[in-house]
C-alpha atoms as a PDB file:
ATOM      1  CA  MET A   1      -7.623  -6.678-125.463  1.00  0.00           C
ATOM      2  CA  ALA A   2      -3.977  -7.248-126.849  1.00  0.00           C
ATOM      3  CA  TRP A   3      -1.306  -6.804-125.173  1.00  0.00           C
ATOM      4  CA  LYS A   4       2.752  -6.543-126.391  1.00  0.00           C
ATOM      5  CA  CYS A   5       5.332  -8.665-124.810  1.00  0.00           C
ATOM      6  CA  ILE A   6       8.892  -7.278-125.603  1.00  0.00           C
ATOM      7  CA  ARG A   7      11.500  -9.880-124.738  1.00  0.00           C
ATOM      8  CA  VAL A   8      15.181  -8.279-124.194  1.00  0.00           C
ATOM      9  CA  LYS A   9      18.123 -10.004-123.579  1.00  0.00           C
ATOM     10  CA  CYS A  10      21.523  -8.632-123.098  1.00  0.00           C
ATOM     11  CA  ASP A  11      24.844 -10.128-122.510  1.00  0.00           C
ATOM     12  CA  PRO A  12      26.118  -8.819-119.915  1.00  0.00           C
ATOM     13  CA  THR A  13      22.901  -8.973-118.287  1.00  0.00           C
ATOM     14  CA  GLN A  14      23.713  -5.739-116.589  1.00  0.00           C
ATOM     15  CA  PRO A  15      23.400  -2.877-117.062  1.00  0.00           C
ATOM     16  CA  GLY A  16      21.437  -3.388-120.201  1.00  0.00           C
ATOM     17  CA  HIS A  17      18.406  -4.604-118.303  1.00  0.00           C
ATOM     18  CA  ASP A  18      18.372  -2.236-115.873  1.00  0.00           C
ATOM     19  CA  VAL A  19      18.581   0.471-118.895  1.00  0.00           C
ATOM     20  CA  ALA A  20      15.971  -1.519-120.553  1.00  0.00           C
ATOM     21  CA  THR A  21      13.523  -1.559-117.781  1.00  0.00           C
ATOM     22  CA  ALA A  22      13.655   2.318-117.075  1.00  0.00           C
ATOM     23  CA  TRP A  23      13.440   3.062-121.184  1.00  0.00           C
ATOM     24  CA  LEU A  24      10.651   0.528-121.968  1.00  0.00           C
ATOM     25  CA  ALA A  25       8.919   1.856-118.675  1.00  0.00           C
ATOM     26  CA  ALA A  26       8.725   5.577-120.172  1.00  0.00           C
ATOM     27  CA  ALA A  27       7.895   3.929-123.755  1.00  0.00           C
ATOM     28  CA  GLY A  28       4.443   2.668-122.203  1.00  0.00           C
ATOM     29  CA  CYS A  29       5.420  -0.673-120.873  1.00  0.00           C
ATOM     30  CA  SER A  30       3.768  -1.013-117.556  1.00  0.00           C
ATOM     31  CA  MET A  31       4.991  -4.818-116.134  1.00  0.00           C
ATOM     32  CA  PHE A  32       7.971  -6.275-116.253  1.00  0.00           C
ATOM     33  CA  GLU A  33       9.149  -9.856-115.474  1.00  0.00           C
ATOM     34  CA  GLU A  34      12.990 -11.124-115.414  1.00  0.00           C
ATOM     35  CA  SER A  35      14.061 -14.684-116.029  1.00  0.00           C
ATOM     36  CA  GLN A  36      16.971 -16.918-117.374  1.00  0.00           C
ATOM     37  CA  ASP A  37      15.457 -16.281-120.686  1.00  0.00           C
ATOM     38  CA  GLY A  38      15.985 -12.364-120.696  1.00  0.00           C
ATOM     39  CA  LEU A  39      13.763  -9.321-119.492  1.00  0.00           C
ATOM     40  CA  GLN A  40      10.194  -9.355-120.762  1.00  0.00           C
ATOM     41  CA  ALA A  41       8.081  -6.216-120.710  1.00  0.00           C
ATOM     42  CA  PHE A  42       4.293  -5.606-121.241  1.00  0.00           C
ATOM     43  CA  ALA A  43       2.402  -3.101-122.646  1.00  0.00           C
ATOM     44  CA  LYS A  44      -1.164  -2.589-123.609  1.00  0.00           C
ATOM     45  CA  ALA A  45      -0.578  -2.516-127.552  1.00  0.00           C
ATOM     46  CA  GLU A  46      -2.279   0.887-128.338  1.00  0.00           C
ATOM     47  CA  GLU A  47       0.378   2.568-125.682  1.00  0.00           C
ATOM     48  CA  LEU A  48       3.516   1.693-127.584  1.00  0.00           C
ATOM     49  CA  THR A  49       4.744   2.692-131.232  1.00  0.00           C
ATOM     50  CA  ALA A  50       7.184   1.454-133.539  1.00  0.00           C
ATOM     51  CA  GLN A  51       9.537   4.066-133.554  1.00  0.00           C
ATOM     52  CA  ASN A  52       9.891   4.023-129.693  1.00  0.00           C
ATOM     53  CA  LEU A  53      10.871   0.678-129.676  1.00  0.00           C
ATOM     54  CA  ALA A  54      13.289   0.870-132.579  1.00  0.00           C
ATOM     55  CA  GLU A  55      15.207   3.466-130.734  1.00  0.00           C
ATOM     56  CA  ILE A  56      15.354   1.786-128.014  1.00  0.00           C
ATOM     57  CA  ARG A  57      16.461  -1.582-129.717  1.00  0.00           C
ATOM     58  CA  GLU A  58      19.127   0.746-131.465  1.00  0.00           C
ATOM     59  CA  ASP A  59      20.156   2.564-128.282  1.00  0.00           C
ATOM     60  CA  LEU A  60      20.396  -1.108-126.363  1.00  0.00           C
ATOM     61  CA  ALA A  61      22.819  -2.616-128.948  1.00  0.00           C
ATOM     62  CA  PRO A  62      26.087  -1.115-127.466  1.00  0.00           C
ATOM     63  CA  LEU A  63      24.891  -2.464-124.081  1.00  0.00           C
ATOM     64  CA  GLY A  64      25.403  -6.048-125.592  1.00  0.00           C
ATOM     65  CA  LEU A  65      21.709  -6.618-126.757  1.00  0.00           C
ATOM     66  CA  ILE A  66      21.286 -10.452-128.300  1.00  0.00           C
ATOM     67  CA  ASP A  67      17.954 -10.573-128.279  1.00  0.00           C
ATOM     68  CA  TRP A  68      14.978  -8.679-128.983  1.00  0.00           C
ATOM     69  CA  VAL A  69      11.791 -10.014-129.646  1.00  0.00           C
ATOM     70  CA  ILE A  70       7.980  -8.381-130.192  1.00  0.00           C
ATOM     71  CA  SER A  71       4.789 -10.622-129.557  1.00  0.00           C
ATOM     72  CA  GLU A  72       1.475 -10.418-128.961  1.00  0.00           C
ATOM     73  CA  VAL A  73      -0.452 -12.038-126.059  1.00  0.00           C
ATOM     74  CA  GLU A  74      -4.074 -11.760-124.802  1.00  0.00           C
ATOM     75  CA  GLU A  75      -4.840 -10.570-121.655  1.00  0.00           C
ATOM     76  CA  GLU A  76      -7.349 -13.136-120.513  1.00  0.00           C
ATOM     77  CA  ASN A  77      -6.147 -15.011-117.284  1.00  0.00           C
ATOM     78  CA  TRP A  78      -2.543 -13.444-117.843  1.00  0.00           C
ATOM     79  CA  ASN A  79      -2.935 -10.377-115.614  1.00  0.00           C
ATOM     80  CA  ALA A  80      -4.154 -12.784-112.887  1.00  0.00           C
ATOM     81  CA  GLN A  81      -1.362 -14.948-113.069  1.00  0.00           C
ATOM     82  CA  TRP A  82       1.015 -11.499-113.569  1.00  0.00           C
ATOM     83  CA  GLU A  83      -0.018 -10.403-110.203  1.00  0.00           C
ATOM     84  CA  SER A  84       0.117 -13.304-108.523  1.00  0.00           C
ATOM     85  CA  ASP A  85       4.001 -13.598-109.497  1.00  0.00           C
ATOM     86  CA  TYR A  86       4.703  -9.820-108.623  1.00  0.00           C
ATOM     87  CA  PRO A  87       7.139  -9.184-106.108  1.00  0.00           C
ATOM     88  CA  GLU A  88       7.080  -7.044-102.977  1.00  0.00           C
ATOM     89  CA  VAL A  89       9.781  -4.454-102.520  1.00  0.00           C
ATOM     90  CA  HIS A  90      11.547  -4.772 -99.047  1.00  0.00           C
ATOM     91  CA  ILE A  91      14.469  -2.494 -98.549  1.00  0.00           C
ATOM     92  CA  ASP A  92      16.265  -3.995 -95.515  1.00  0.00           C
ATOM     93  CA  HIS A  93      13.947  -3.855 -92.573  1.00  0.00           C
ATOM     94  CA  GLN A  94      12.681  -0.262 -93.397  1.00  0.00           C
ATOM     95  CA  ILE A  95      10.517   0.170 -96.084  1.00  0.00           C
ATOM     96  CA  ARG A  96       8.112  -2.483 -97.667  1.00  0.00           C
ATOM     97  CA  ILE A  97       6.108  -1.812-100.622  1.00  0.00           C
ATOM     98  CA  ARG A  98       3.164  -3.651-101.591  1.00  0.00           C
ATOM     99  CA  ALA A  99       0.625  -3.750-104.481  1.00  0.00           C
ATOM    100  CA  PRO A 100      -3.100  -3.666-103.299  1.00  0.00           C
ATOM    101  CA  PHE A 101      -3.453  -7.357-104.238  1.00  0.00           C
ATOM    102  CA  HIS A 102      -0.546  -8.484-102.068  1.00  0.00           C
ATOM    103  CA  SER A 103      -1.222  -9.276 -98.380  1.00  0.00           C
ATOM    104  CA  VAL A 104      -1.657  -6.432 -96.033  1.00  0.00           C
ATOM    105  CA  GLU A 105      -0.110  -8.649 -93.432  1.00  0.00           C
ATOM    106  CA  SER A 106       3.642  -9.325 -93.712  1.00  0.00           C
ATOM    107  CA  GLU A 107       6.036 -12.051 -91.813  1.00  0.00           C
ATOM    108  CA  ILE A 108       8.834  -9.803 -91.337  1.00  0.00           C
ATOM    109  CA  PRO A 109       8.311  -6.417 -89.416  1.00  0.00           C
ATOM    110  CA  PHE A 110       8.742  -3.005 -91.319  1.00  0.00           C
ATOM    111  CA  ARG A 111       8.980   0.323 -90.087  1.00  0.00           C
ATOM    112  CA  HIS A 112       7.232   1.669 -93.134  1.00  0.00           C
ATOM    113  CA  THR A 113       4.753   0.335 -95.617  1.00  0.00           C
ATOM    114  CA  LEU A 114       3.406   1.960 -98.793  1.00  0.00           C
ATOM    115  CA  THR A 115       0.820   0.387-100.878  1.00  0.00           C
ATOM    116  CA  ILE A 116       1.493   1.161-104.667  1.00  0.00           C
ATOM    117  CA  GLN A 117      -0.412   0.236-107.684  1.00  0.00           C
ATOM    118  CA  PRO A 118       1.462  -0.868-110.579  1.00  0.00           C
ATOM    119  CA  ARG A 119       0.534   0.796-113.787  1.00  0.00           C
ATOM    120  CA  MET A 120       2.163   2.620-116.519  1.00  0.00           C
ATOM    121  CA  ALA A 121       4.332   4.800-114.306  1.00  0.00           C
ATOM    122  CA  PHE A 122       7.711   4.405-113.561  1.00  0.00           C
ATOM    123  CA  GLY A 123       8.863   4.176-110.063  1.00  0.00           C
ATOM    124  CA  THR A 124       7.059   0.657-107.848  1.00  0.00           C
ATOM    125  CA  GLY A 125      10.566   0.563-106.429  1.00  0.00           C
ATOM    126  CA  HIS A 126      11.977  -2.502-108.085  1.00  0.00           C
ATOM    127  CA  HIS A 127      14.394  -0.668-109.927  1.00  0.00           C
ATOM    128  CA  GLY A 128      18.027   0.499-108.289  1.00  0.00           C
ATOM    129  CA  THR A 129      16.988   4.486-108.830  1.00  0.00           C
ATOM    130  CA  THR A 130      13.934   4.178-106.842  1.00  0.00           C
ATOM    131  CA  HIS A 131      15.063   1.344-104.732  1.00  0.00           C
ATOM    132  CA  GLY A 132      18.713   3.607-103.492  1.00  0.00           C
ATOM    133  CA  LEU A 133      16.483   7.018-103.125  1.00  0.00           C
ATOM    134  CA  LEU A 134      14.108   5.171-100.399  1.00  0.00           C
ATOM    135  CA  ALA A 135      16.907   3.523 -98.525  1.00  0.00           C
ATOM    136  CA  GLU A 136      18.842   6.854 -98.399  1.00  0.00           C
ATOM    137  CA  MET A 137      15.266   8.269 -97.693  1.00  0.00           C
ATOM    138  CA  ALA A 138      14.393   6.013 -94.775  1.00  0.00           C
ATOM    139  CA  GLU A 139      17.453   7.278 -92.558  1.00  0.00           C
ATOM    140  CA  MET A 140      16.258  10.837 -92.735  1.00  0.00           C
ATOM    141  CA  GLU A 141      13.544  13.138 -90.864  1.00  0.00           C
ATOM    142  CA  TRP A 142      11.027  14.279 -92.761  1.00  0.00           C
ATOM    143  CA  THR A 143       8.581  15.809 -90.100  1.00  0.00           C
ATOM    144  CA  GLY A 144       7.784  19.288 -90.988  1.00  0.00           C
ATOM    145  CA  LEU A 145       9.913  19.472 -94.322  1.00  0.00           C
ATOM    146  CA  ASP A 146       8.778  21.210 -97.478  1.00  0.00           C
ATOM    147  CA  VAL A 147       9.583  18.466-100.608  1.00  0.00           C
ATOM    148  CA  LEU A 148       9.642  18.540-104.015  1.00  0.00           C
ATOM    149  CA  ASP A 149       9.631  15.453-106.012  1.00  0.00           C
ATOM    150  CA  MET A 150      10.459  15.920-109.262  1.00  0.00           C
ATOM    151  CA  GLY A 151       9.861  12.983-112.278  1.00  0.00           C
ATOM    152  CA  CYS A 152       7.611  11.511-109.439  1.00  0.00           C
ATOM    153  CA  GLY A 153       6.534   8.592-111.367  1.00  0.00           C
ATOM    154  CA  SER A 154       4.304   6.209-109.245  1.00  0.00           C
ATOM    155  CA  GLY A 155       4.443   9.399-106.406  1.00  0.00           C
ATOM    156  CA  VAL A 156       6.277   6.793-104.182  1.00  0.00           C
ATOM    157  CA  LEU A 157       9.052   8.826-102.844  1.00  0.00           C
ATOM    158  CA  GLY A 158       6.565  12.183-102.298  1.00  0.00           C
ATOM    159  CA  ILE A 159       3.994   9.641-100.630  1.00  0.00           C
ATOM    160  CA  HIS A 160       6.801   8.296 -98.283  1.00  0.00           C
ATOM    161  CA  ALA A 161       7.858  12.072 -97.359  1.00  0.00           C
ATOM    162  CA  ALA A 162       4.237  12.748 -96.639  1.00  0.00           C
ATOM    163  CA  MET A 163       3.849   9.773 -94.885  1.00  0.00           C
ATOM    164  CA  GLN A 164       6.639  10.544 -92.721  1.00  0.00           C
ATOM    165  CA  GLY A 165       5.516  13.911 -91.597  1.00  0.00           C
ATOM    166  CA  ALA A 166       6.191  16.362 -94.544  1.00  0.00           C
ATOM    167  CA  LYS A 167       4.456  19.303 -93.986  1.00  0.00           C
ATOM    168  CA  ARG A 168       3.944  19.951 -97.691  1.00  0.00           C
ATOM    169  CA  VAL A 169       4.504  17.888-100.840  1.00  0.00           C
ATOM    170  CA  LEU A 170       4.329  18.873-104.381  1.00  0.00           C
ATOM    171  CA  CYS A 171       5.012  16.039-107.162  1.00  0.00           C
ATOM    172  CA  VAL A 172       5.684  17.053-110.693  1.00  0.00           C
ATOM    173  CA  ASP A 173       5.691  14.696-113.616  1.00  0.00           C
ATOM    174  CA  ILE A 174       5.735  15.120-117.430  1.00  0.00           C
ATOM    175  CA  ASP A 175       3.922  11.867-117.976  1.00  0.00           C
ATOM    176  CA  PRO A 176       0.254  12.184-117.405  1.00  0.00           C
ATOM    177  CA  TRP A 177       0.310   8.368-116.727  1.00  0.00           C
ATOM    178  CA  SER A 178       2.643   9.227-114.156  1.00  0.00           C
ATOM    179  CA  VAL A 179       0.454  12.242-112.685  1.00  0.00           C
ATOM    180  CA  SER A 180      -3.048   9.812-112.577  1.00  0.00           C
ATOM    181  CA  ASN A 181      -0.808   7.034-110.697  1.00  0.00           C
ATOM    182  CA  THR A 182       0.289   9.391-108.232  1.00  0.00           C
ATOM    183  CA  ARG A 183      -3.076  10.591-107.500  1.00  0.00           C
ATOM    184  CA  GLU A 184      -4.328   6.853-107.563  1.00  0.00           C
ATOM    185  CA  ASN A 185      -1.581   5.739-104.951  1.00  0.00           C
ATOM    186  CA  ALA A 186      -1.738   8.812-102.471  1.00  0.00           C
ATOM    187  CA  PRO A 187      -5.214   7.731-100.895  1.00  0.00           C
ATOM    188  CA  LEU A 188      -4.126   4.164-100.780  1.00  0.00           C
ATOM    189  CA  ASN A 189      -1.522   5.360 -98.241  1.00  0.00           C
ATOM    190  CA  GLY A 190      -4.040   7.932 -96.471  1.00  0.00           C
ATOM    191  CA  VAL A 191      -2.530  11.022 -98.223  1.00  0.00           C
ATOM    192  CA  LYS A 192      -5.136  13.003 -99.661  1.00  0.00           C
ATOM    193  CA  GLU A 193      -4.302  15.501-102.323  1.00  0.00           C
ATOM    194  CA  GLY A 194      -4.879  19.161-101.416  1.00  0.00           C
ATOM    195  CA  ALA A 195      -3.099  22.293-100.017  1.00  0.00           C
ATOM    196  CA  THR A 196      -0.302  19.785 -98.132  1.00  0.00           C
ATOM    197  CA  PHE A 197       0.102  17.309-101.107  1.00  0.00           C
ATOM    198  CA  GLU A 198       0.023  18.614-104.696  1.00  0.00           C
ATOM    199  CA  VAL A 199       0.103  16.982-108.007  1.00  0.00           C
ATOM    200  CA  ARG A 200       1.198  18.675-111.021  1.00  0.00           C
ATOM    201  CA  GLU A 201       1.808  17.653-114.962  1.00  0.00           C
ATOM    202  CA  GLY A 202       4.776  18.949-116.774  1.00  0.00           C
ATOM    203  CA  GLY A 203       8.552  19.548-116.094  1.00  0.00           C
ATOM    204  CA  ALA A 204      10.285  22.438-114.441  1.00  0.00           C
ATOM    205  CA  ASP A 205       8.546  24.487-116.371  1.00  0.00           C
ATOM    206  CA  VAL A 206       5.288  24.341-114.059  1.00  0.00           C
ATOM    207  CA  LEU A 207       7.249  25.553-110.859  1.00  0.00           C
ATOM    208  CA  HIS A 208       5.813  28.725-110.117  1.00  0.00           C
ATOM    209  CA  SER A 209       7.376  32.050-108.497  1.00  0.00           C
ATOM    210  CA  SER A 210       6.042  31.181-105.254  1.00  0.00           C
ATOM    211  CA  ASP A 211       8.271  28.055-105.734  1.00  0.00           C
ATOM    212  CA  GLU A 212      11.386  29.763-105.182  1.00  0.00           C
ATOM    213  CA  GLY A 213      12.981  29.108-101.921  1.00  0.00           C
ATOM    214  CA  ARG A 214      10.343  26.960-100.551  1.00  0.00           C
ATOM    215  CA  PHE A 215      11.394  23.226-100.263  1.00  0.00           C
ATOM    216  CA  ASP A 216      13.834  21.620 -97.721  1.00  0.00           C
ATOM    217  CA  VAL A 217      14.217  18.614-100.170  1.00  0.00           C
ATOM    218  CA  VAL A 218      14.510  18.262-103.838  1.00  0.00           C
ATOM    219  CA  VAL A 219      14.059  15.007-104.865  1.00  0.00           C
ATOM    220  CA  ALA A 220      14.819  14.278-108.760  1.00  0.00           C
ATOM    221  CA  ASN A 221      14.788  10.391-110.372  1.00  0.00           C
ATOM    222  CA  ILE A 222      15.043  11.650-114.182  1.00  0.00           C
ATOM    223  CA  ASN A 223      17.895  11.095-116.142  1.00  0.00           C
ATOM    224  CA  ARG A 224      21.196  12.783-116.414  1.00  0.00           C
ATOM    225  CA  ASN A 225      20.477  15.211-119.292  1.00  0.00           C
ATOM    226  CA  ILE A 226      17.289  16.260-117.671  1.00  0.00           C
ATOM    227  CA  LEU A 227      19.080  16.545-114.386  1.00  0.00           C
ATOM    228  CA  LEU A 228      21.860  19.343-115.812  1.00  0.00           C
ATOM    229  CA  GLN A 229      19.166  20.865-117.805  1.00  0.00           C
ATOM    230  CA  ASP A 230      17.149  21.358-114.643  1.00  0.00           C
ATOM    231  CA  MET A 231      19.619  22.007-111.935  1.00  0.00           C
ATOM    232  CA  PRO A 232      18.762  25.800-112.112  1.00  0.00           C
ATOM    233  CA  ALA A 233      15.242  25.463-111.155  1.00  0.00           C
ATOM    234  CA  TYR A 234      16.132  22.632-108.465  1.00  0.00           C
ATOM    235  CA  SER A 235      18.616  25.504-106.667  1.00  0.00           C
ATOM    236  CA  ALA A 236      16.003  28.307-107.149  1.00  0.00           C
ATOM    237  CA  ALA A 237      13.232  25.924-105.363  1.00  0.00           C
ATOM    238  CA  LEU A 238      15.740  25.305-102.515  1.00  0.00           C
ATOM    239  CA  LYS A 239      15.828  26.886 -99.382  1.00  0.00           C
ATOM    240  CA  PRO A 240      19.439  28.086 -98.410  1.00  0.00           C
ATOM    241  CA  GLU A 241      20.175  25.114 -96.155  1.00  0.00           C
ATOM    242  CA  GLY A 242      18.460  22.536 -98.659  1.00  0.00           C
ATOM    243  CA  VAL A 243      19.395  19.185 -99.427  1.00  0.00           C
ATOM    244  CA  LEU A 244      18.924  18.115-103.324  1.00  0.00           C
ATOM    245  CA  MET A 245      18.943  14.213-103.752  1.00  0.00           C
ATOM    246  CA  LEU A 246      19.531  13.103-107.394  1.00  0.00           C
ATOM    247  CA  SER A 247      19.359   9.436-109.435  1.00  0.00           C
ATOM    248  CA  GLY A 248      18.642   8.202-112.991  1.00  0.00           C
ATOM    249  CA  PHE A 249      22.390   8.086-113.704  1.00  0.00           C
ATOM    250  CA  MET A 250      25.703   5.921-113.564  1.00  0.00           C
ATOM    251  CA  ALA A 251      29.169   6.286-112.167  1.00  0.00           C
ATOM    252  CA  PRO A 252      30.471   8.303-115.186  1.00  0.00           C
ATOM    253  CA  ASP A 253      27.610  10.939-114.898  1.00  0.00           C
ATOM    254  CA  VAL A 254      28.485  11.807-111.247  1.00  0.00           C
ATOM    255  CA  GLU A 255      31.693  14.392-112.031  1.00  0.00           C
ATOM    256  CA  ALA A 256      29.388  16.322-114.537  1.00  0.00           C
ATOM    257  CA  LEU A 257      26.020  16.467-112.148  1.00  0.00           C
ATOM    258  CA  GLU A 258      28.594  17.466-108.957  1.00  0.00           C
ATOM    259  CA  GLN A 259      30.127  20.277-111.242  1.00  0.00           C
ATOM    260  CA  ALA A 260      26.843  21.806-112.236  1.00  0.00           C
ATOM    261  CA  ALA A 261      25.603  21.623-108.626  1.00  0.00           C
ATOM    262  CA  GLY A 262      28.481  23.041-107.621  1.00  0.00           C
ATOM    263  CA  ARG A 263      27.975  26.185-109.640  1.00  0.00           C
ATOM    264  CA  TYR A 264      24.998  27.036-107.355  1.00  0.00           C
ATOM    265  CA  GLY A 265      26.721  26.230-103.943  1.00  0.00           C
ATOM    266  CA  LEU A 266      25.501  22.565-103.473  1.00  0.00           C
ATOM    267  CA  GLN A 267      28.239  20.122-102.256  1.00  0.00           C
ATOM    268  CA  ARG A 268      28.021  16.153-102.043  1.00  0.00           C
ATOM    269  CA  MET A 269      27.295  14.953 -98.605  1.00  0.00           C
ATOM    270  CA  ALA A 270      26.854  11.267 -99.766  1.00  0.00           C
ATOM    271  CA  LEU A 271      27.039   8.701-102.582  1.00  0.00           C
ATOM    272  CA  ARG A 272      25.127   5.876-102.926  1.00  0.00           C
ATOM    273  CA  SER A 273      25.624   2.843-105.246  1.00  0.00           C
ATOM    274  CA  GLU A 274      22.603   0.400-105.999  1.00  0.00           C
ATOM    275  CA  LYS A 275      24.103  -1.992-108.970  1.00  0.00           C
ATOM    276  CA  GLU A 276      25.075   0.458-111.506  1.00  0.00           C
ATOM    277  CA  TRP A 277      23.041   3.051-110.734  1.00  0.00           C
ATOM    278  CA  ARG A 278      24.166   6.134-108.313  1.00  0.00           C
ATOM    279  CA  ILE A 279      22.458   8.500-105.834  1.00  0.00           C
ATOM    280  CA  LEU A 280      23.678  11.680-105.377  1.00  0.00           C
ATOM    281  CA  THR A 281      22.763  13.854-102.176  1.00  0.00           C
ATOM    282  CA  LEU A 282      24.122  17.574-102.177  1.00  0.00           C
ATOM    283  CA  ARG A 283      23.743  20.144 -99.831  1.00  0.00           C
ATOM    284  CA  ARG A 284      24.712  24.059 -99.412  1.00  0.00           C
END
């Protein structure tokens, strides 16, 4: 089966490579490698469209794009090689995210270990937005909480909350690949889909009237425009003393998001930096 490889090189490297990773993941790339030659993204040929790639290339130009090469590679033993090079994610000594092909044992002790099968979905923990949210979540108490994970990707954030004692978790994503990957990853971590762990395909439009005022924590790792657009839905879903955790944006976007959240009585609790990305935690 043919795969496409998109090689991207930006100067400066950041934030171009991080942004390219997010955009290419959304376009259908499921595997990434970073080297001195740049960022390489891989996808099954049929999952990509020429129009999407052309738009990403154009949008990366202001971020210092100096190299953009698309080529085809044959799967053969390449996937096995990719697996052997695929790194775990370590968030301090708090969280370890391993793929099923990684060793179950770890030389370093971690408080929590998650198993995430890397597929087409975004959110394996390597990207700064997911990494930063997990670092914030590792310091929080989840026992007995109702949690909404918007833009769930691989499901890693919602699954982590469920594993740490959340009473009910709802994961939502507009991408069917993400919904499928979340449903695949949940049982890998002993989480069973049902009344206490639900997965829905769609955006804020799939939140029901019964979801209003239901959640102690809403986590949304998407992008600035969607976060601003769906702020009313996030606010409506929160309990009166609920916490809203946002990521998927950079420093210039923080003010606009705080202003939008402020209209619903939400005020900043914390602002975390992960390279060029920001993680904003708010509370009424």
